[in-house]
Every structure is written in structure tokens, then in C-alpha cells.
Amino acid sequence: MKLDTIITGLILIVAFYVLLFIGKIINDLLHREYKLNFEIVEKDNAALALAMAGYYFGLVLAIGGTLVGPGIGIIDDLIDMCIYGLLSIILVNASWYICDKLILFRFKVSEELIRDQNQGTGVVLAGISIASGLIIFGSVQGKGGNIWTVVVFWAIGQIILLLAGLIYNLITPYNIHDEIEKDNVAAGVSFAGAMVAIGIVVGLAAESDFESWATNLPDYLGYTALGLVLLPLIRLLTDKVLLPTVNLTDEIARQEKPNVGAAYIEAFSYIAAAFIIYWCI
């Protein structure tokens, strides 16, 4: 490996962590109702830790999209990383707000995280942040786009996530909001898996080079719509293969102690289905 390649990589790594630190500061400023270090270190707040881990992972994915593919020069790479990295911080934090107000709208997210230390809420927030990071990752890595194409693809992705949340609530025999508010971590894990899966489908749909809205937008919308239709069907098929004798609804919401292990399998089945859709269609 050449010395200049190593030096370039080290510079980009430092810039990456500077952006992550900026993302932490901005999130802290937006959530002054709690002190992150106090909640995680002093109160052992696993719910907030889950939410923040998902937030940071979403940022890593979003910023990482600028580094995929061959470099175009250290100066240009740094400029792209800074511009799209700062944009990613804004958009991932906006996704957190959308989750609070429109996806988990029946209760106040900050109260569930801080007062109740509700890990079900924490894992859903993590899933939304990761899904948004995947959508941004797909939007920034192709050639021909700009800031506005990223924002538009992100905005459409948020609408898709909202629709997916509504569909999920319709196809599950229990109310996802009620279960999460009752501190049902299993229900939160399953729902988060579905959100991440949608993020994978939508993000991969946006990863091609941008030619024009007339060319790219119909393909993007068609692929995401197909994903919304096929995801629950392929998830059902995956469940039948992985847990053929188990009723997941009973395990997650119809017994005294929800089965988090079964929820992990369900979440995995959604994510696996998203990749299967991408590889096969």
C-alpha cells in the first residue's frame, strides 16, 4: 500500500470522526431535556443507549455513502464529505423528529426514553435512524446527483417509512403503539426490523447514477412500491422456513412475558427479505 494512500485514508478517517462529533453536539442541542452522559453512565439507561447507537449508525451509513467508489482527489473528497456529511446530520435528526411526531405519535418519545427507559421505543428509534441512513447512503453514492436529489430521495423515503408503519400496524393482529407503550421490547424489535428492511429496499433503489427525474423517479417509486408489497409476503415465507411451528404473534404480544428471541428472528426475517428482493428482482 502506498504511503499517500495511507495518509489520504487517515485524513478522511479524522474528518469522518469530526462529523460524527458534530452530529453528537447537534443531537445534544436538540434534546436538552436530558444529559446523554448522565442518562447512560449514571442511570444505565439502555433505552436511550439503543436510540443513540442507532442514530450514530445511521450517521455512519449516511456519511459513508460519500466515500463509496473511487476517490476523485483528497480535496474534493473532503469537500463532498463535509457538505453531504452536514446534510446527513440534519436529515437523520429530522428522521428522529418524524418518528416522534408521525410514526410513534401516540406517546411522547422523550418521556418513554427517559422516564420509563422503554427499550421498545429505543430500538424503534434506532431502526428509523438506521433506515434513514441507508436511504441517504443510496442517494449520495451515485454520480450525477446533488444536494437536492439527496433531499428529495430522503423525503420520499420518509413517506415510504410512514406508509410502511401504517401497513405494519394493519397486518399485525396487535396495536404496535399500545404494545410499545407497555414496554414490550419484543414488539419494538420486530417493528424496528421492518423499518430497517424498508430502509434497505428504498436505499438500494436510490443507489444508481442519477440521470434525470423522468428516468430515475419512476424506477425509484416502482421499486419501493414493489418492496412494500413483497416484503410482508417474503417475510411470511422466511418465517415459515425459520420458525415453521411458531405463532409469532402469540410469542410477541399474547403471553405474559413477550419473547424477545422470537422478535429477533422476525426482525431478521424482514431484513433478509429486503436483501432477497434486491438480489432477485
C-alpha atoms as a PDB file:
ATOM      1  CA  MET A   1       0.000   0.000   0.000  1.00  0.00           C
ATOM      2  CA  LYS A   2       1.359   3.396  -0.995  1.00  0.00           C
ATOM      3  CA  LEU A   3       2.202   6.000   1.647  1.00  0.00           C
ATOM      4  CA  ASP A   4      -0.001   8.662   0.023  1.00  0.00           C
ATOM      5  CA  THR A   5      -2.964   6.237   0.108  1.00  0.00           C
ATOM      6  CA  ILE A   6      -2.433   5.692   3.842  1.00  0.00           C
ATOM      7  CA  ILE A   7      -2.169   9.431   4.510  1.00  0.00           C
ATOM      8  CA  THR A   8      -5.321  10.119   2.481  1.00  0.00           C
ATOM      9  CA  GLY A   9      -7.190   7.413   4.392  1.00  0.00           C
ATOM     10  CA  LEU A  10      -6.083   8.795   7.764  1.00  0.00           C
ATOM     11  CA  ILE A  11      -7.215  12.301   6.794  1.00  0.00           C
ATOM     12  CA  LEU A  12     -10.623  11.001   5.751  1.00  0.00           C
ATOM     13  CA  ILE A  13     -10.954   8.987   8.978  1.00  0.00           C
ATOM     14  CA  VAL A  14     -10.226  12.094  11.059  1.00  0.00           C
ATOM     15  CA  ALA A  15     -12.757  14.112   9.034  1.00  0.00           C
ATOM     16  CA  PHE A  16     -15.310  11.312   9.484  1.00  0.00           C
ATOM     17  CA  TYR A  17     -14.973  11.420  13.264  1.00  0.00           C
ATOM     18  CA  VAL A  18     -15.158  15.202  13.309  1.00  0.00           C
ATOM     19  CA  LEU A  19     -18.524  14.931  11.538  1.00  0.00           C
ATOM     20  CA  LEU A  20     -19.692  12.277  13.996  1.00  0.00           C
ATOM     21  CA  PHE A  21     -18.747  14.602  16.856  1.00  0.00           C
ATOM     22  CA  ILE A  22     -20.683  17.445  15.220  1.00  0.00           C
ATOM     23  CA  GLY A  23     -23.624  15.053  14.911  1.00  0.00           C
ATOM     24  CA  LYS A  24     -23.400  14.317  18.645  1.00  0.00           C
ATOM     25  CA  ILE A  25     -23.288  18.020  19.540  1.00  0.00           C
ATOM     26  CA  ILE A  26     -26.299  18.830  17.338  1.00  0.00           C
ATOM     27  CA  ASN A  27     -28.306  15.941  18.788  1.00  0.00           C
ATOM     28  CA  ASP A  28     -27.416  17.106  22.308  1.00  0.00           C
ATOM     29  CA  LEU A  29     -28.582  20.633  21.485  1.00  0.00           C
ATOM     30  CA  LEU A  30     -31.849  19.351  20.055  1.00  0.00           C
ATOM     31  CA  HIS A  31     -32.552  17.214  23.139  1.00  0.00           C
ATOM     32  CA  ARG A  32     -31.802  19.414  26.130  1.00  0.00           C
ATOM     33  CA  GLU A  33     -34.445  17.584  28.176  1.00  0.00           C
ATOM     34  CA  TYR A  34     -31.752  15.088  29.156  1.00  0.00           C
ATOM     35  CA  LYS A  35     -27.985  14.824  29.564  1.00  0.00           C
ATOM     36  CA  LEU A  36     -26.703  11.938  27.493  1.00  0.00           C
ATOM     37  CA  ASN A  37     -23.697  11.045  29.655  1.00  0.00           C
ATOM     38  CA  PHE A  38     -25.744  11.179  32.866  1.00  0.00           C
ATOM     39  CA  GLU A  39     -28.522   9.010  31.455  1.00  0.00           C
ATOM     40  CA  ILE A  40     -26.237   6.322  30.051  1.00  0.00           C
ATOM     41  CA  VAL A  41     -23.449   6.282  32.667  1.00  0.00           C
ATOM     42  CA  GLU A  42     -25.246   7.203  35.889  1.00  0.00           C
ATOM     43  CA  LYS A  43     -28.750   5.848  35.199  1.00  0.00           C
ATOM     44  CA  ASP A  44     -27.742   2.915  32.967  1.00  0.00           C
ATOM     45  CA  ASN A  45     -30.457   3.963  30.527  1.00  0.00           C
ATOM     46  CA  ALA A  46     -30.376   1.163  27.943  1.00  0.00           C
ATOM     47  CA  ALA A  47     -33.357   2.631  26.044  1.00  0.00           C
ATOM     48  CA  LEU A  48     -31.536   5.871  25.283  1.00  0.00           C
ATOM     49  CA  ALA A  49     -28.349   3.928  24.537  1.00  0.00           C
ATOM     50  CA  LEU A  50     -30.229   1.903  21.897  1.00  0.00           C
ATOM     51  CA  ALA A  51     -31.667   5.047  20.313  1.00  0.00           C
ATOM     52  CA  MET A  52     -28.280   6.770  20.230  1.00  0.00           C
ATOM     53  CA  ALA A  53     -26.465   3.708  18.870  1.00  0.00           C
ATOM     54  CA  GLY A  54     -28.972   3.632  16.001  1.00  0.00           C
ATOM     55  CA  TYR A  55     -28.539   7.379  15.484  1.00  0.00           C
ATOM     56  CA  TYR A  56     -24.753   7.076  15.239  1.00  0.00           C
ATOM     57  CA  PHE A  57     -25.018   4.041  12.953  1.00  0.00           C
ATOM     58  CA  GLY A  58     -27.407   5.984  10.717  1.00  0.00           C
ATOM     59  CA  LEU A  59     -24.855   8.809  10.515  1.00  0.00           C
ATOM     60  CA  VAL A  60     -22.037   6.368   9.692  1.00  0.00           C
ATOM     61  CA  LEU A  61     -24.080   4.912   6.829  1.00  0.00           C
ATOM     62  CA  ALA A  62     -25.166   8.314   5.521  1.00  0.00           C
ATOM     63  CA  ILE A  63     -21.694   9.871   5.641  1.00  0.00           C
ATOM     64  CA  GLY A  64     -20.128   6.670   4.320  1.00  0.00           C
ATOM     65  CA  GLY A  65     -22.138   6.991   1.123  1.00  0.00           C
ATOM     66  CA  THR A  66     -19.848   9.852   0.084  1.00  0.00           C
ATOM     67  CA  LEU A  67     -16.809   7.552   0.241  1.00  0.00           C
ATOM     68  CA  VAL A  68     -18.176   4.653  -1.836  1.00  0.00           C
ATOM     69  CA  GLY A  69     -16.474   4.306  -5.178  1.00  0.00           C
ATOM     70  CA  PRO A  70     -13.143   5.625  -6.460  1.00  0.00           C
ATOM     71  CA  GLY A  71     -11.751   8.792  -4.948  1.00  0.00           C
ATOM     72  CA  ILE A  72     -11.584  11.969  -7.010  1.00  0.00           C
ATOM     73  CA  GLY A  73      -8.815  13.637  -5.017  1.00  0.00           C
ATOM     74  CA  ILE A  74      -8.383  14.321  -1.337  1.00  0.00           C
ATOM     75  CA  ILE A  75      -9.614  17.923  -1.505  1.00  0.00           C
ATOM     76  CA  ASP A  76     -12.749  17.079  -3.487  1.00  0.00           C
ATOM     77  CA  ASP A  77     -13.421  14.035  -1.285  1.00  0.00           C
ATOM     78  CA  LEU A  78     -13.179  16.175   1.851  1.00  0.00           C
ATOM     79  CA  ILE A  79     -15.468  18.830   0.380  1.00  0.00           C
ATOM     80  CA  ASP A  80     -18.068  16.192  -0.571  1.00  0.00           C
ATOM     81  CA  MET A  81     -17.793  14.538   2.843  1.00  0.00           C
ATOM     82  CA  CYS A  82     -18.260  17.840   4.672  1.00  0.00           C
ATOM     83  CA  ILE A  83     -21.185  19.043   2.540  1.00  0.00           C
ATOM     84  CA  TYR A  84     -23.093  15.760   2.461  1.00  0.00           C
ATOM     85  CA  GLY A  85     -21.998  14.851   5.986  1.00  0.00           C
ATOM     86  CA  LEU A  86     -23.534  18.016   7.437  1.00  0.00           C
ATOM     87  CA  LEU A  87     -26.634  17.442   5.307  1.00  0.00           C
ATOM     88  CA  SER A  88     -26.816  13.868   6.629  1.00  0.00           C
ATOM     89  CA  ILE A  89     -26.694  15.106  10.225  1.00  0.00           C
ATOM     90  CA  ILE A  90     -29.642  17.402   9.532  1.00  0.00           C
ATOM     91  CA  LEU A  91     -31.657  14.700   7.768  1.00  0.00           C
ATOM     92  CA  VAL A  92     -31.064  11.916  10.312  1.00  0.00           C
ATOM     93  CA  ASN A  93     -32.085  14.261  13.134  1.00  0.00           C
ATOM     94  CA  ALA A  94     -35.158  15.219  11.109  1.00  0.00           C
ATOM     95  CA  SER A  95     -35.971  11.499  10.826  1.00  0.00           C
ATOM     96  CA  TRP A  96     -35.851  11.261  14.633  1.00  0.00           C
ATOM     97  CA  TYR A  97     -38.372  14.129  14.804  1.00  0.00           C
ATOM     98  CA  ILE A  98     -40.624  12.464  12.203  1.00  0.00           C
ATOM     99  CA  CYS A  99     -40.551   9.229  14.197  1.00  0.00           C
ATOM    100  CA  ASP A 100     -41.565  11.139  17.319  1.00  0.00           C
ATOM    101  CA  LYS A 101     -44.399  13.097  15.734  1.00  0.00           C
ATOM    102  CA  LEU A 102     -45.733  10.840  12.961  1.00  0.00           C
ATOM    103  CA  ILE A 103     -44.643   7.217  13.460  1.00  0.00           C
ATOM    104  CA  LEU A 104     -44.796   6.825  17.264  1.00  0.00           C
ATOM    105  CA  PHE A 105     -47.377   9.590  17.504  1.00  0.00           C
ATOM    106  CA  ARG A 106     -49.495   8.182  20.338  1.00  0.00           C
ATOM    107  CA  PHE A 107     -46.954   8.977  23.030  1.00  0.00           C
ATOM    108  CA  LYS A 108     -44.012  11.295  23.639  1.00  0.00           C
ATOM    109  CA  VAL A 109     -40.788   9.566  22.699  1.00  0.00           C
ATOM    110  CA  SER A 110     -38.549  11.502  25.101  1.00  0.00           C
ATOM    111  CA  GLU A 111     -40.735  10.543  28.064  1.00  0.00           C
ATOM    112  CA  GLU A 112     -40.629   6.873  27.079  1.00  0.00           C
ATOM    113  CA  LEU A 113     -36.849   7.008  26.754  1.00  0.00           C
ATOM    114  CA  ILE A 114     -36.078   8.999  29.895  1.00  0.00           C
ATOM    115  CA  ARG A 115     -38.919   8.497  32.379  1.00  0.00           C
ATOM    116  CA  ASP A 116     -39.780   4.884  31.541  1.00  0.00           C
ATOM    117  CA  GLN A 117     -36.457   3.783  29.991  1.00  0.00           C
ATOM    118  CA  ASN A 118     -38.598   1.958  27.422  1.00  0.00           C
ATOM    119  CA  GLN A 119     -36.243  -0.145  25.305  1.00  0.00           C
ATOM    120  CA  GLY A 120     -39.040  -0.877  22.826  1.00  0.00           C
ATOM    121  CA  THR A 121     -39.129   2.827  21.974  1.00  0.00           C
ATOM    122  CA  GLY A 122     -35.342   2.997  21.895  1.00  0.00           C
ATOM    123  CA  VAL A 123     -34.995   0.179  19.400  1.00  0.00           C
ATOM    124  CA  VAL A 124     -37.672   1.653  17.095  1.00  0.00           C
ATOM    125  CA  LEU A 125     -35.838   4.991  17.065  1.00  0.00           C
ATOM    126  CA  ALA A 126     -32.653   3.105  16.301  1.00  0.00           C
ATOM    127  CA  GLY A 127     -34.371   1.316  13.419  1.00  0.00           C
ATOM    128  CA  ILE A 128     -35.701   4.574  11.966  1.00  0.00           C
ATOM    129  CA  SER A 129     -32.260   6.221  12.164  1.00  0.00           C
ATOM    130  CA  ILE A 130     -30.586   3.231  10.501  1.00  0.00           C
ATOM    131  CA  ALA A 131     -33.273   3.129   7.805  1.00  0.00           C
ATOM    132  CA  SER A 132     -32.783   6.828   7.096  1.00  0.00           C
ATOM    133  CA  GLY A 133     -29.013   6.351   6.998  1.00  0.00           C
ATOM    134  CA  LEU A 134     -29.481   3.587   4.424  1.00  0.00           C
ATOM    135  CA  ILE A 135     -31.742   5.815   2.312  1.00  0.00           C
ATOM    136  CA  ILE A 136     -29.192   8.656   2.381  1.00  0.00           C
ATOM    137  CA  PHE A 137     -26.374   6.177   1.675  1.00  0.00           C
ATOM    138  CA  GLY A 138     -28.112   5.092  -1.514  1.00  0.00           C
ATOM    139  CA  SER A 139     -28.909   8.676  -2.511  1.00  0.00           C
ATOM    140  CA  VAL A 140     -25.387  10.128  -2.226  1.00  0.00           C
ATOM    141  CA  GLN A 141     -23.221   7.323  -3.634  1.00  0.00           C
ATOM    142  CA  GLY A 142     -24.249   7.541  -7.302  1.00  0.00           C
ATOM    143  CA  LYS A 143     -22.936  10.019  -9.835  1.00  0.00           C
ATOM    144  CA  GLY A 144     -24.915  12.914 -11.271  1.00  0.00           C
ATOM    145  CA  GLY A 145     -26.873  13.902  -8.175  1.00  0.00           C
ATOM    146  CA  ASN A 146     -26.634  16.914  -5.907  1.00  0.00           C
ATOM    147  CA  ILE A 147     -27.914  18.147  -2.562  1.00  0.00           C
ATOM    148  CA  TRP A 148     -31.470  18.471  -3.840  1.00  0.00           C
ATOM    149  CA  THR A 149     -31.637  14.949  -5.234  1.00  0.00           C
ATOM    150  CA  VAL A 150     -30.498  13.639  -1.834  1.00  0.00           C
ATOM    151  CA  VAL A 151     -33.142  15.705  -0.015  1.00  0.00           C
ATOM    152  CA  VAL A 152     -35.913  14.609  -2.387  1.00  0.00           C
ATOM    153  CA  PHE A 153     -34.982  10.924  -2.196  1.00  0.00           C
ATOM    154  CA  TRP A 154     -34.741  11.201   1.603  1.00  0.00           C
ATOM    155  CA  ALA A 155     -38.164  12.900   1.789  1.00  0.00           C
ATOM    156  CA  ILE A 156     -39.774  10.238  -0.393  1.00  0.00           C
ATOM    157  CA  GLY A 157     -38.073   7.627   1.767  1.00  0.00           C
ATOM    158  CA  GLN A 158     -39.627   9.131   4.891  1.00  0.00           C
ATOM    159  CA  ILE A 159     -43.071   8.937   3.274  1.00  0.00           C
ATOM    160  CA  ILE A 160     -42.381   5.284   2.446  1.00  0.00           C
ATOM    161  CA  LEU A 161     -41.369   4.631   6.064  1.00  0.00           C
ATOM    162  CA  LEU A 162     -44.607   6.251   7.253  1.00  0.00           C
ATOM    163  CA  LEU A 163     -46.636   4.096   4.861  1.00  0.00           C
ATOM    164  CA  ALA A 164     -44.695   1.018   5.960  1.00  0.00           C
ATOM    165  CA  GLY A 165     -45.506   1.831   9.593  1.00  0.00           C
ATOM    166  CA  LEU A 166     -49.207   2.078   8.782  1.00  0.00           C
ATOM    167  CA  ILE A 167     -49.135  -1.159   6.770  1.00  0.00           C
ATOM    168  CA  TYR A 168     -47.242  -2.923   9.553  1.00  0.00           C
ATOM    169  CA  ASN A 169     -49.883  -1.901  12.063  1.00  0.00           C
ATOM    170  CA  LEU A 170     -52.609  -3.182   9.733  1.00  0.00           C
ATOM    171  CA  ILE A 171     -51.050  -6.589   9.095  1.00  0.00           C
ATOM    172  CA  THR A 172     -50.167  -7.324  12.723  1.00  0.00           C
ATOM    173  CA  PRO A 173     -53.015  -8.569  14.962  1.00  0.00           C
ATOM    174  CA  TYR A 174     -51.902  -6.262  17.791  1.00  0.00           C
ATOM    175  CA  ASN A 175     -51.541  -2.480  18.022  1.00  0.00           C
ATOM    176  CA  ILE A 176     -47.865  -1.635  17.793  1.00  0.00           C
ATOM    177  CA  HIS A 177     -48.226   1.655  19.692  1.00  0.00           C
ATOM    178  CA  ASP A 178     -50.064   0.035  22.588  1.00  0.00           C
ATOM    179  CA  GLU A 179     -47.520  -2.763  22.855  1.00  0.00           C
ATOM    180  CA  ILE A 180     -44.506  -0.448  22.770  1.00  0.00           C
ATOM    181  CA  GLU A 181     -46.082   1.895  25.324  1.00  0.00           C
ATOM    182  CA  LYS A 182     -46.492  -1.160  27.579  1.00  0.00           C
ATOM    183  CA  ASP A 183     -42.696  -1.586  27.411  1.00  0.00           C
ATOM    184  CA  ASN A 184     -42.982  -4.584  25.083  1.00  0.00           C
ATOM    185  CA  VAL A 185     -39.409  -4.763  23.818  1.00  0.00           C
ATOM    186  CA  ALA A 186     -40.231  -7.697  21.533  1.00  0.00           C
ATOM    187  CA  ALA A 187     -42.830  -5.638  19.646  1.00  0.00           C
ATOM    188  CA  GLY A 188     -40.326  -2.813  19.264  1.00  0.00           C
ATOM    189  CA  VAL A 189     -37.623  -5.141  17.937  1.00  0.00           C
ATOM    190  CA  SER A 190     -39.966  -6.605  15.316  1.00  0.00           C
ATOM    191  CA  PHE A 191     -41.139  -3.180  14.182  1.00  0.00           C
ATOM    192  CA  ALA A 192     -37.563  -1.858  14.048  1.00  0.00           C
ATOM    193  CA  GLY A 193     -36.567  -4.798  11.854  1.00  0.00           C
ATOM    194  CA  ALA A 194     -39.355  -3.947   9.432  1.00  0.00           C
ATOM    195  CA  MET A 195     -38.225  -0.299   9.289  1.00  0.00           C
ATOM    196  CA  VAL A 196     -34.599  -1.254   8.638  1.00  0.00           C
ATOM    197  CA  ALA A 197     -35.765  -3.617   5.889  1.00  0.00           C
ATOM    198  CA  ILE A 198     -37.715  -0.825   4.202  1.00  0.00           C
ATOM    199  CA  GLY A 199     -34.633   1.385   4.511  1.00  0.00           C
ATOM    200  CA  ILE A 200     -32.607  -1.290   2.721  1.00  0.00           C
ATOM    201  CA  VAL A 201     -35.139  -1.575  -0.117  1.00  0.00           C
ATOM    202  CA  VAL A 202     -35.512   2.196  -0.535  1.00  0.00           C
ATOM    203  CA  GLY A 203     -31.798   2.889  -0.147  1.00  0.00           C
ATOM    204  CA  LEU A 204     -30.788   0.291  -2.711  1.00  0.00           C
ATOM    205  CA  ALA A 205     -33.440   1.644  -5.087  1.00  0.00           C
ATOM    206  CA  ALA A 206     -31.703   5.042  -4.990  1.00  0.00           C
ATOM    207  CA  GLU A 207     -28.124   3.848  -5.456  1.00  0.00           C
ATOM    208  CA  SER A 208     -27.902   4.074  -9.254  1.00  0.00           C
ATOM    209  CA  ASP A 209     -26.351   7.066 -11.017  1.00  0.00           C
ATOM    210  CA  PHE A 210     -28.751   9.995 -11.365  1.00  0.00           C
ATOM    211  CA  GLU A 211     -29.683  10.823 -14.954  1.00  0.00           C
ATOM    212  CA  SER A 212     -32.915  12.820 -14.678  1.00  0.00           C
ATOM    213  CA  TRP A 213     -36.079  12.868 -12.606  1.00  0.00           C
ATOM    214  CA  ALA A 214     -38.011  11.486 -15.569  1.00  0.00           C
ATOM    215  CA  THR A 215     -35.683   8.486 -15.685  1.00  0.00           C
ATOM    216  CA  ASN A 216     -34.837   7.861 -12.029  1.00  0.00           C
ATOM    217  CA  LEU A 217     -38.001   8.790 -10.134  1.00  0.00           C
ATOM    218  CA  PRO A 218     -40.353   6.234 -11.780  1.00  0.00           C
ATOM    219  CA  ASP A 219     -37.789   3.465 -11.224  1.00  0.00           C
ATOM    220  CA  TYR A 220     -37.294   4.565  -7.614  1.00  0.00           C
ATOM    221  CA  LEU A 221     -41.012   4.706  -6.847  1.00  0.00           C
ATOM    222  CA  GLY A 222     -41.735   1.453  -8.651  1.00  0.00           C
ATOM    223  CA  TYR A 223     -39.009  -0.431  -6.843  1.00  0.00           C
ATOM    224  CA  THR A 224     -40.014   0.886  -3.409  1.00  0.00           C
ATOM    225  CA  ALA A 225     -43.689   0.117  -4.077  1.00  0.00           C
ATOM    226  CA  LEU A 226     -42.753  -3.412  -5.095  1.00  0.00           C
ATOM    227  CA  GLY A 227     -40.749  -3.705  -1.900  1.00  0.00           C
ATOM    228  CA  LEU A 228     -43.721  -2.597   0.207  1.00  0.00           C
ATOM    229  CA  VAL A 229     -45.900  -5.258  -1.416  1.00  0.00           C
ATOM    230  CA  LEU A 230     -43.401  -8.101  -1.400  1.00  0.00           C
ATOM    231  CA  LEU A 231     -41.746  -7.501   1.959  1.00  0.00           C
ATOM    232  CA  PRO A 232     -44.572  -8.840   4.163  1.00  0.00           C
ATOM    233  CA  LEU A 233     -45.082 -11.797   1.805  1.00  0.00           C
ATOM    234  CA  ILE A 234     -41.423 -12.784   1.713  1.00  0.00           C
ATOM    235  CA  ARG A 235     -41.168 -12.160   5.453  1.00  0.00           C
ATOM    236  CA  LEU A 236     -44.016 -14.650   5.956  1.00  0.00           C
ATOM    237  CA  LEU A 237     -42.219 -17.171   3.759  1.00  0.00           C
ATOM    238  CA  THR A 238     -38.968 -16.626   5.663  1.00  0.00           C
ATOM    239  CA  ASP A 239     -40.757 -17.110   8.990  1.00  0.00           C
ATOM    240  CA  LYS A 240     -42.225 -20.391   7.785  1.00  0.00           C
ATOM    241  CA  VAL A 241     -38.749 -21.580   6.879  1.00  0.00           C
ATOM    242  CA  LEU A 242     -37.023 -20.372  10.076  1.00  0.00           C
ATOM    243  CA  LEU A 243     -39.759 -20.933  12.686  1.00  0.00           C
ATOM    244  CA  PRO A 244     -42.322 -23.189  10.973  1.00  0.00           C
ATOM    245  CA  THR A 245     -44.195 -24.284  14.121  1.00  0.00           C
ATOM    246  CA  VAL A 246     -44.289 -20.963  15.966  1.00  0.00           C
ATOM    247  CA  ASN A 247     -47.040 -18.331  16.027  1.00  0.00           C
ATOM    248  CA  LEU A 248     -45.023 -15.124  16.235  1.00  0.00           C
ATOM    249  CA  THR A 249     -47.993 -13.016  17.288  1.00  0.00           C
ATOM    250  CA  ASP A 250     -48.539 -15.239  20.324  1.00  0.00           C
ATOM    251  CA  GLU A 251     -44.839 -15.091  21.180  1.00  0.00           C
ATOM    252  CA  ILE A 252     -44.573 -11.309  20.851  1.00  0.00           C
ATOM    253  CA  ALA A 253     -47.879  -9.927  22.137  1.00  0.00           C
ATOM    254  CA  ARG A 254     -50.113 -12.632  23.570  1.00  0.00           C
ATOM    255  CA  GLN A 255     -48.221 -14.006  26.512  1.00  0.00           C
ATOM    256  CA  GLU A 256     -47.289 -12.598  29.899  1.00  0.00           C
ATOM    257  CA  LYS A 257     -43.598 -12.249  29.064  1.00  0.00           C
ATOM    258  CA  PRO A 258     -43.054 -11.276  25.405  1.00  0.00           C
ATOM    259  CA  ASN A 259     -40.495 -13.444  23.665  1.00  0.00           C
ATOM    260  CA  VAL A 260     -37.677 -11.114  22.583  1.00  0.00           C
ATOM    261  CA  GLY A 261     -35.830 -14.030  20.992  1.00  0.00           C
ATOM    262  CA  ALA A 262     -38.737 -14.666  18.623  1.00  0.00           C
ATOM    263  CA  ALA A 263     -38.767 -10.941  17.825  1.00  0.00           C
ATOM    264  CA  TYR A 264     -35.099 -11.097  16.830  1.00  0.00           C
ATOM    265  CA  ILE A 265     -35.947 -13.855  14.359  1.00  0.00           C
ATOM    266  CA  GLU A 266     -38.862 -11.831  12.965  1.00  0.00           C
ATOM    267  CA  ALA A 267     -36.695  -8.720  12.613  1.00  0.00           C
ATOM    268  CA  PHE A 268     -34.038 -10.786  10.852  1.00  0.00           C
ATOM    269  CA  SER A 269     -36.647 -12.247   8.520  1.00  0.00           C
ATOM    270  CA  TYR A 270     -37.665  -8.753   7.389  1.00  0.00           C
ATOM    271  CA  ILE A 271     -34.061  -7.712   6.795  1.00  0.00           C
ATOM    272  CA  ALA A 272     -33.276 -10.973   4.996  1.00  0.00           C
ATOM    273  CA  ALA A 273     -36.368 -10.475   2.818  1.00  0.00           C
ATOM    274  CA  ALA A 274     -35.173  -6.997   1.838  1.00  0.00           C
ATOM    275  CA  PHE A 275     -31.876  -8.380   0.540  1.00  0.00           C
ATOM    276  CA  ILE A 276     -33.650 -11.268  -1.210  1.00  0.00           C
ATOM    277  CA  ILE A 277     -35.893  -8.768  -3.027  1.00  0.00           C
ATOM    278  CA  TYR A 278     -32.877  -6.715  -4.098  1.00  0.00           C
ATOM    279  CA  TRP A 279     -30.840  -9.680  -5.329  1.00  0.00           C
ATOM    280  CA  CYS A 280     -33.716 -11.396  -7.137  1.00  0.00           C
ATOM    281  CA  ILE A 281     -35.585  -8.510  -8.801  1.00  0.00           C
END
